[in-house]
N, C-alpha and C. Protein backbone atom coordinates (compact mmCIF):
# COMPACT_ATOMS: atom_id res chain seq x y z
N MET A 1 13.32 20.76 -21.29
CA MET A 1 14.09 20.20 -20.21
C MET A 1 13.81 18.70 -20.12
N TYR A 2 14.85 17.94 -19.84
CA TYR A 2 14.74 16.49 -19.72
C TYR A 2 13.92 16.12 -18.48
N GLN A 3 12.93 15.25 -18.65
CA GLN A 3 12.12 14.75 -17.55
C GLN A 3 12.59 13.33 -17.22
N GLN A 4 13.25 13.15 -16.09
CA GLN A 4 13.69 11.82 -15.70
C GLN A 4 12.47 10.97 -15.37
N MET A 5 12.52 9.71 -15.75
CA MET A 5 11.41 8.80 -15.51
C MET A 5 11.82 7.73 -14.50
N ILE A 6 10.83 7.08 -13.93
CA ILE A 6 11.08 5.91 -13.10
C ILE A 6 10.26 4.75 -13.66
N PHE A 7 10.91 3.60 -13.77
CA PHE A 7 10.27 2.37 -14.20
C PHE A 7 10.36 1.41 -13.01
N VAL A 8 9.24 1.16 -12.37
CA VAL A 8 9.19 0.26 -11.22
C VAL A 8 8.84 -1.12 -11.75
N ASN A 9 9.72 -2.09 -11.50
CA ASN A 9 9.50 -3.46 -11.96
C ASN A 9 8.98 -4.29 -10.80
N LEU A 10 7.83 -4.94 -11.01
CA LEU A 10 7.19 -5.72 -9.96
C LEU A 10 6.89 -7.13 -10.44
N ALA A 11 7.23 -8.11 -9.63
CA ALA A 11 6.90 -9.50 -9.94
C ALA A 11 5.43 -9.74 -9.58
N VAL A 12 4.70 -10.39 -10.49
CA VAL A 12 3.29 -10.67 -10.26
C VAL A 12 3.00 -12.15 -10.50
N ASP A 13 1.99 -12.66 -9.80
CA ASP A 13 1.60 -14.06 -9.95
C ASP A 13 0.66 -14.27 -11.13
N ASP A 14 -0.26 -13.35 -11.33
CA ASP A 14 -1.25 -13.49 -12.40
C ASP A 14 -1.28 -12.18 -13.18
N LEU A 15 -0.66 -12.16 -14.33
CA LEU A 15 -0.51 -10.93 -15.11
C LEU A 15 -1.87 -10.34 -15.49
N ASP A 16 -2.81 -11.17 -15.89
CA ASP A 16 -4.13 -10.65 -16.28
C ASP A 16 -4.85 -9.98 -15.12
N THR A 17 -4.78 -10.59 -13.93
CA THR A 17 -5.40 -9.99 -12.74
C THR A 17 -4.75 -8.65 -12.43
N SER A 18 -3.44 -8.58 -12.51
CA SER A 18 -2.73 -7.34 -12.21
C SER A 18 -3.05 -6.26 -13.24
N LYS A 19 -3.10 -6.62 -14.52
CA LYS A 19 -3.45 -5.65 -15.56
C LYS A 19 -4.86 -5.10 -15.31
N LYS A 20 -5.78 -5.98 -14.99
CA LYS A 20 -7.16 -5.57 -14.73
C LYS A 20 -7.22 -4.61 -13.54
N PHE A 21 -6.50 -4.93 -12.47
CA PHE A 21 -6.48 -4.09 -11.27
C PHE A 21 -6.02 -2.67 -11.62
N PHE A 22 -4.90 -2.56 -12.32
CA PHE A 22 -4.36 -1.23 -12.60
C PHE A 22 -5.18 -0.46 -13.63
N THR A 23 -5.77 -1.14 -14.59
CA THR A 23 -6.62 -0.41 -15.55
C THR A 23 -7.91 0.05 -14.86
N GLU A 24 -8.40 -0.73 -13.90
CA GLU A 24 -9.59 -0.30 -13.16
C GLU A 24 -9.29 0.88 -12.23
N LEU A 25 -8.02 1.10 -11.92
CA LEU A 25 -7.64 2.29 -11.16
C LEU A 25 -7.55 3.51 -12.07
N GLY A 26 -7.65 3.29 -13.37
CA GLY A 26 -7.63 4.40 -14.31
C GLY A 26 -6.33 4.55 -15.09
N TYR A 27 -5.39 3.64 -14.88
CA TYR A 27 -4.12 3.70 -15.60
C TYR A 27 -4.24 2.94 -16.91
N SER A 28 -3.34 3.23 -17.84
CA SER A 28 -3.40 2.56 -19.14
C SER A 28 -2.25 1.57 -19.29
N ILE A 29 -2.44 0.63 -20.20
CA ILE A 29 -1.42 -0.35 -20.55
C ILE A 29 -0.83 0.07 -21.90
N ASN A 30 0.48 0.23 -21.95
CA ASN A 30 1.15 0.56 -23.21
C ASN A 30 1.41 -0.74 -23.97
N PRO A 31 0.67 -0.98 -25.05
CA PRO A 31 0.81 -2.25 -25.77
C PRO A 31 2.17 -2.43 -26.42
N GLN A 32 2.87 -1.34 -26.69
CA GLN A 32 4.19 -1.41 -27.32
C GLN A 32 5.19 -2.18 -26.45
N PHE A 33 5.02 -2.12 -25.14
CA PHE A 33 5.94 -2.77 -24.22
C PHE A 33 5.24 -3.83 -23.37
N THR A 34 4.20 -4.42 -23.90
CA THR A 34 3.44 -5.45 -23.20
C THR A 34 3.46 -6.73 -24.02
N THR A 35 3.74 -7.85 -23.34
CA THR A 35 3.79 -9.16 -23.99
C THR A 35 3.02 -10.15 -23.13
N ASP A 36 3.16 -11.42 -23.42
CA ASP A 36 2.50 -12.45 -22.62
C ASP A 36 3.07 -12.58 -21.21
N ASP A 37 4.29 -12.07 -21.00
CA ASP A 37 4.90 -12.22 -19.69
C ASP A 37 5.23 -10.89 -18.99
N CYS A 38 4.79 -9.77 -19.58
CA CYS A 38 4.97 -8.48 -18.91
C CYS A 38 3.95 -7.47 -19.43
N ALA A 39 3.67 -6.47 -18.60
CA ALA A 39 2.76 -5.41 -18.99
C ALA A 39 3.33 -4.08 -18.53
N CYS A 40 3.21 -3.10 -19.38
CA CYS A 40 3.70 -1.76 -19.11
C CYS A 40 2.51 -0.88 -18.69
N VAL A 41 2.44 -0.54 -17.39
CA VAL A 41 1.36 0.27 -16.85
C VAL A 41 1.82 1.72 -16.79
N VAL A 42 1.13 2.59 -17.51
CA VAL A 42 1.49 4.01 -17.53
C VAL A 42 0.71 4.71 -16.42
N ILE A 43 1.45 5.16 -15.41
CA ILE A 43 0.85 5.86 -14.28
C ILE A 43 0.82 7.35 -14.54
N SER A 44 1.89 7.87 -15.13
CA SER A 44 1.96 9.27 -15.53
C SER A 44 3.00 9.39 -16.64
N ASP A 45 3.25 10.60 -17.08
CA ASP A 45 4.27 10.81 -18.12
C ASP A 45 5.66 10.38 -17.67
N THR A 46 5.89 10.32 -16.37
CA THR A 46 7.22 10.00 -15.85
C THR A 46 7.26 8.78 -14.95
N ILE A 47 6.13 8.11 -14.74
CA ILE A 47 6.08 6.93 -13.87
C ILE A 47 5.46 5.76 -14.62
N VAL A 48 6.20 4.65 -14.67
CA VAL A 48 5.72 3.45 -15.34
C VAL A 48 5.95 2.26 -14.42
N ALA A 49 4.96 1.40 -14.30
CA ALA A 49 5.12 0.15 -13.56
C ALA A 49 5.19 -0.98 -14.57
N MET A 50 6.28 -1.72 -14.52
CA MET A 50 6.42 -2.90 -15.37
C MET A 50 6.02 -4.11 -14.54
N LEU A 51 4.92 -4.74 -14.93
CA LEU A 51 4.44 -5.93 -14.24
C LEU A 51 5.02 -7.13 -14.95
N LEU A 52 5.82 -7.92 -14.25
CA LEU A 52 6.51 -9.05 -14.85
C LEU A 52 6.08 -10.34 -14.17
N THR A 53 5.77 -11.36 -14.97
CA THR A 53 5.52 -12.66 -14.35
C THR A 53 6.77 -13.03 -13.56
N ARG A 54 6.62 -13.86 -12.57
CA ARG A 54 7.78 -14.23 -11.74
C ARG A 54 8.89 -14.84 -12.61
N GLN A 55 8.52 -15.64 -13.58
CA GLN A 55 9.52 -16.25 -14.46
C GLN A 55 10.29 -15.17 -15.23
N ARG A 56 9.58 -14.19 -15.76
CA ARG A 56 10.24 -13.12 -16.52
C ARG A 56 11.07 -12.23 -15.59
N TYR A 57 10.56 -11.94 -14.41
CA TYR A 57 11.29 -11.13 -13.43
C TYR A 57 12.63 -11.78 -13.09
N GLN A 58 12.61 -13.10 -12.96
CA GLN A 58 13.83 -13.84 -12.60
C GLN A 58 14.92 -13.69 -13.66
N ASP A 59 14.55 -13.35 -14.90
CA ASP A 59 15.54 -13.11 -15.96
C ASP A 59 16.42 -11.90 -15.65
N PHE A 60 15.99 -11.02 -14.76
CA PHE A 60 16.71 -9.78 -14.49
C PHE A 60 17.51 -9.80 -13.19
N THR A 61 17.41 -10.88 -12.43
CA THR A 61 18.11 -10.94 -11.16
C THR A 61 18.51 -12.37 -10.82
N SER A 62 19.61 -12.48 -10.11
CA SER A 62 20.01 -13.81 -9.62
C SER A 62 19.53 -14.01 -8.19
N LYS A 63 18.93 -12.97 -7.61
CA LYS A 63 18.41 -13.06 -6.24
C LYS A 63 17.06 -13.77 -6.20
N LYS A 64 16.75 -14.27 -5.04
CA LYS A 64 15.42 -14.85 -4.80
C LYS A 64 14.39 -13.73 -4.86
N ILE A 65 13.28 -13.98 -5.51
CA ILE A 65 12.21 -12.99 -5.60
C ILE A 65 11.40 -13.00 -4.31
N ALA A 66 11.21 -11.83 -3.74
CA ALA A 66 10.46 -11.72 -2.49
C ALA A 66 9.00 -12.11 -2.70
N ASP A 67 8.44 -12.76 -1.70
CA ASP A 67 7.00 -13.02 -1.67
C ASP A 67 6.38 -11.78 -1.05
N SER A 68 5.85 -10.91 -1.90
CA SER A 68 5.36 -9.62 -1.42
C SER A 68 4.10 -9.72 -0.56
N THR A 69 3.54 -10.92 -0.43
CA THR A 69 2.40 -11.08 0.48
C THR A 69 2.86 -11.28 1.92
N THR A 70 4.14 -11.64 2.10
CA THR A 70 4.66 -11.88 3.45
C THR A 70 5.91 -11.07 3.77
N THR A 71 6.54 -10.49 2.75
CA THR A 71 7.79 -9.75 2.93
C THR A 71 7.65 -8.37 2.31
N SER A 72 8.11 -7.35 3.02
CA SER A 72 8.09 -6.02 2.44
C SER A 72 9.34 -5.84 1.60
N GLU A 73 9.15 -5.60 0.31
CA GLU A 73 10.27 -5.41 -0.59
C GLU A 73 10.49 -3.94 -0.90
N VAL A 74 9.40 -3.18 -0.92
CA VAL A 74 9.45 -1.77 -1.28
C VAL A 74 8.11 -1.14 -0.89
N LEU A 75 8.13 0.14 -0.56
CA LEU A 75 6.90 0.90 -0.36
C LEU A 75 6.83 1.91 -1.49
N LEU A 76 5.80 1.83 -2.29
CA LEU A 76 5.64 2.73 -3.44
C LEU A 76 4.67 3.83 -3.04
N CYS A 77 5.04 5.07 -3.28
CA CYS A 77 4.19 6.18 -2.87
C CYS A 77 3.91 7.08 -4.05
N LEU A 78 2.63 7.33 -4.29
CA LEU A 78 2.19 8.23 -5.35
C LEU A 78 1.63 9.50 -4.72
N SER A 79 1.93 10.62 -5.32
CA SER A 79 1.37 11.88 -4.83
C SER A 79 -0.06 12.03 -5.34
N ALA A 80 -0.82 12.84 -4.65
CA ALA A 80 -2.18 13.16 -5.06
C ALA A 80 -2.38 14.67 -4.91
N GLU A 81 -3.26 15.23 -5.73
CA GLU A 81 -3.43 16.68 -5.72
C GLU A 81 -4.30 17.20 -4.58
N SER A 82 -5.00 16.30 -3.88
CA SER A 82 -5.85 16.73 -2.77
C SER A 82 -6.14 15.54 -1.86
N ARG A 83 -6.67 15.84 -0.69
CA ARG A 83 -7.09 14.79 0.24
C ARG A 83 -8.16 13.92 -0.41
N GLU A 84 -9.07 14.58 -1.13
CA GLU A 84 -10.16 13.86 -1.79
C GLU A 84 -9.62 12.87 -2.83
N LYS A 85 -8.57 13.27 -3.54
CA LYS A 85 -7.97 12.38 -4.55
C LYS A 85 -7.26 11.19 -3.89
N VAL A 86 -6.70 11.42 -2.69
CA VAL A 86 -6.13 10.31 -1.93
C VAL A 86 -7.21 9.28 -1.65
N ASP A 87 -8.34 9.76 -1.10
CA ASP A 87 -9.44 8.85 -0.77
C ASP A 87 -10.01 8.18 -2.02
N GLU A 88 -10.13 8.94 -3.10
CA GLU A 88 -10.69 8.40 -4.34
C GLU A 88 -9.86 7.22 -4.84
N LEU A 89 -8.53 7.38 -4.92
CA LEU A 89 -7.69 6.30 -5.44
C LEU A 89 -7.65 5.12 -4.47
N ALA A 90 -7.51 5.38 -3.18
CA ALA A 90 -7.46 4.29 -2.20
C ALA A 90 -8.78 3.53 -2.17
N ASP A 91 -9.90 4.23 -2.18
CA ASP A 91 -11.21 3.57 -2.18
C ASP A 91 -11.40 2.73 -3.44
N LYS A 92 -10.97 3.28 -4.58
CA LYS A 92 -11.09 2.55 -5.84
C LYS A 92 -10.24 1.28 -5.79
N ALA A 93 -9.02 1.39 -5.27
CA ALA A 93 -8.13 0.23 -5.18
C ALA A 93 -8.76 -0.87 -4.32
N LEU A 94 -9.37 -0.50 -3.22
CA LEU A 94 -10.02 -1.48 -2.36
C LEU A 94 -11.24 -2.10 -3.04
N ALA A 95 -11.93 -1.33 -3.85
CA ALA A 95 -13.13 -1.82 -4.53
C ALA A 95 -12.82 -2.77 -5.68
N VAL A 96 -11.62 -2.68 -6.25
CA VAL A 96 -11.31 -3.49 -7.44
C VAL A 96 -10.30 -4.61 -7.15
N GLY A 97 -10.15 -4.99 -5.89
CA GLY A 97 -9.33 -6.15 -5.59
C GLY A 97 -8.12 -5.90 -4.72
N GLY A 98 -7.89 -4.65 -4.33
CA GLY A 98 -6.79 -4.36 -3.42
C GLY A 98 -7.22 -4.66 -1.99
N SER A 99 -6.26 -4.60 -1.08
CA SER A 99 -6.58 -4.81 0.33
C SER A 99 -5.93 -3.71 1.16
N PRO A 100 -6.48 -3.43 2.35
CA PRO A 100 -5.92 -2.36 3.18
C PRO A 100 -4.48 -2.67 3.59
N ALA A 101 -3.68 -1.61 3.75
CA ALA A 101 -2.29 -1.79 4.17
C ALA A 101 -1.95 -0.82 5.29
N GLY A 102 -2.86 -0.63 6.19
CA GLY A 102 -2.61 0.26 7.31
C GLY A 102 -3.70 1.30 7.45
N GLU A 103 -3.63 2.00 8.55
CA GLU A 103 -4.61 3.05 8.84
C GLU A 103 -4.26 4.33 8.09
N PRO A 104 -5.27 5.15 7.77
CA PRO A 104 -4.97 6.45 7.17
C PRO A 104 -4.07 7.27 8.10
N GLN A 105 -3.20 8.06 7.52
CA GLN A 105 -2.30 8.93 8.27
C GLN A 105 -2.71 10.38 8.01
N ASP A 106 -3.17 11.06 9.06
CA ASP A 106 -3.60 12.45 8.91
C ASP A 106 -2.79 13.32 9.87
N HIS A 107 -1.91 14.14 9.29
CA HIS A 107 -1.07 15.03 10.08
C HIS A 107 -1.46 16.49 9.84
N GLY A 108 -2.66 16.72 9.33
CA GLY A 108 -3.13 18.07 9.04
C GLY A 108 -2.58 18.58 7.73
N PHE A 109 -1.29 18.85 7.67
CA PHE A 109 -0.66 19.35 6.45
C PHE A 109 -0.33 18.23 5.46
N MET A 110 -0.45 16.97 5.93
CA MET A 110 -0.16 15.82 5.09
C MET A 110 -1.17 14.72 5.41
N TYR A 111 -1.66 14.08 4.35
CA TYR A 111 -2.68 13.04 4.51
C TYR A 111 -2.36 11.90 3.55
N GLY A 112 -2.43 10.68 4.05
CA GLY A 112 -2.15 9.56 3.18
C GLY A 112 -2.89 8.30 3.57
N ARG A 113 -3.06 7.45 2.59
CA ARG A 113 -3.64 6.12 2.79
C ARG A 113 -2.82 5.12 2.01
N SER A 114 -2.94 3.86 2.36
CA SER A 114 -2.18 2.84 1.64
C SER A 114 -3.05 1.61 1.38
N PHE A 115 -2.63 0.87 0.36
CA PHE A 115 -3.32 -0.37 -0.01
C PHE A 115 -2.30 -1.33 -0.60
N GLN A 116 -2.70 -2.59 -0.66
CA GLN A 116 -1.88 -3.60 -1.32
C GLN A 116 -2.57 -3.98 -2.63
N ASP A 117 -1.78 -4.15 -3.69
CA ASP A 117 -2.33 -4.63 -4.94
C ASP A 117 -2.56 -6.14 -4.81
N PRO A 118 -3.12 -6.81 -5.83
CA PRO A 118 -3.42 -8.24 -5.69
C PRO A 118 -2.21 -9.12 -5.39
N ASP A 119 -0.98 -8.63 -5.67
CA ASP A 119 0.22 -9.41 -5.38
C ASP A 119 0.87 -9.04 -4.06
N GLY A 120 0.25 -8.13 -3.31
CA GLY A 120 0.77 -7.77 -2.00
C GLY A 120 1.76 -6.62 -1.99
N HIS A 121 2.02 -5.99 -3.13
CA HIS A 121 2.89 -4.81 -3.15
C HIS A 121 2.15 -3.65 -2.46
N THR A 122 2.84 -2.93 -1.60
CA THR A 122 2.22 -1.84 -0.86
C THR A 122 2.36 -0.53 -1.62
N TRP A 123 1.22 0.11 -1.87
CA TRP A 123 1.15 1.42 -2.53
C TRP A 123 0.60 2.42 -1.54
N GLU A 124 1.26 3.56 -1.43
CA GLU A 124 0.78 4.65 -0.61
C GLU A 124 0.33 5.78 -1.53
N VAL A 125 -0.68 6.52 -1.10
CA VAL A 125 -1.14 7.70 -1.83
C VAL A 125 -1.10 8.84 -0.82
N MET A 126 -0.42 9.94 -1.17
CA MET A 126 -0.18 11.00 -0.21
C MET A 126 -0.46 12.37 -0.80
N TRP A 127 -1.09 13.21 0.00
CA TRP A 127 -1.27 14.62 -0.32
C TRP A 127 -0.53 15.43 0.73
N MET A 128 0.15 16.48 0.29
CA MET A 128 0.78 17.41 1.23
C MET A 128 0.40 18.82 0.85
N ASP A 129 0.03 19.62 1.84
CA ASP A 129 -0.34 21.00 1.62
C ASP A 129 0.84 21.74 0.99
N PRO A 130 0.64 22.34 -0.19
CA PRO A 130 1.74 23.04 -0.86
C PRO A 130 2.38 24.12 0.02
N ALA A 131 1.60 24.76 0.88
CA ALA A 131 2.15 25.79 1.76
C ALA A 131 3.16 25.20 2.75
N ALA A 132 2.91 23.96 3.17
CA ALA A 132 3.84 23.29 4.10
C ALA A 132 5.16 22.98 3.41
N VAL A 133 5.10 22.67 2.13
CA VAL A 133 6.30 22.35 1.37
C VAL A 133 7.14 23.60 1.19
N GLN A 134 6.51 24.72 0.98
CA GLN A 134 7.21 25.99 0.71
C GLN A 134 7.87 26.56 1.96
N GLY A 135 7.33 26.28 3.11
CA GLY A 135 7.91 26.98 4.25
C GLY A 135 7.93 26.22 5.49
């Protein structure tokens, strides 16, 4: 069966800093699609983040690029297999250069935390009880 993928393209100020941040979170860089002005971060088999220098990002749009440190452009949310995995990824992100992006959200059946990467993009990590999803 075909697995649809998502490629999230993000403008970054310092490509090396961004690559270091995401590899320290445990993700890999696909060298086949990485150059001096972009990096392909493999998050999963179906999720890829393309980190583009602002100059390279501008090649794909005629719009002004948002300053993600002051403007919300998108909220990116990754699922996690448990509450502990939510905390593990969020804590790791904060330890390797990320910053907090709000208070943890605990609704019993759903738990999430968020952080900002070094360029100010907001990432959420969420766990939801499978039983809550089913019924």
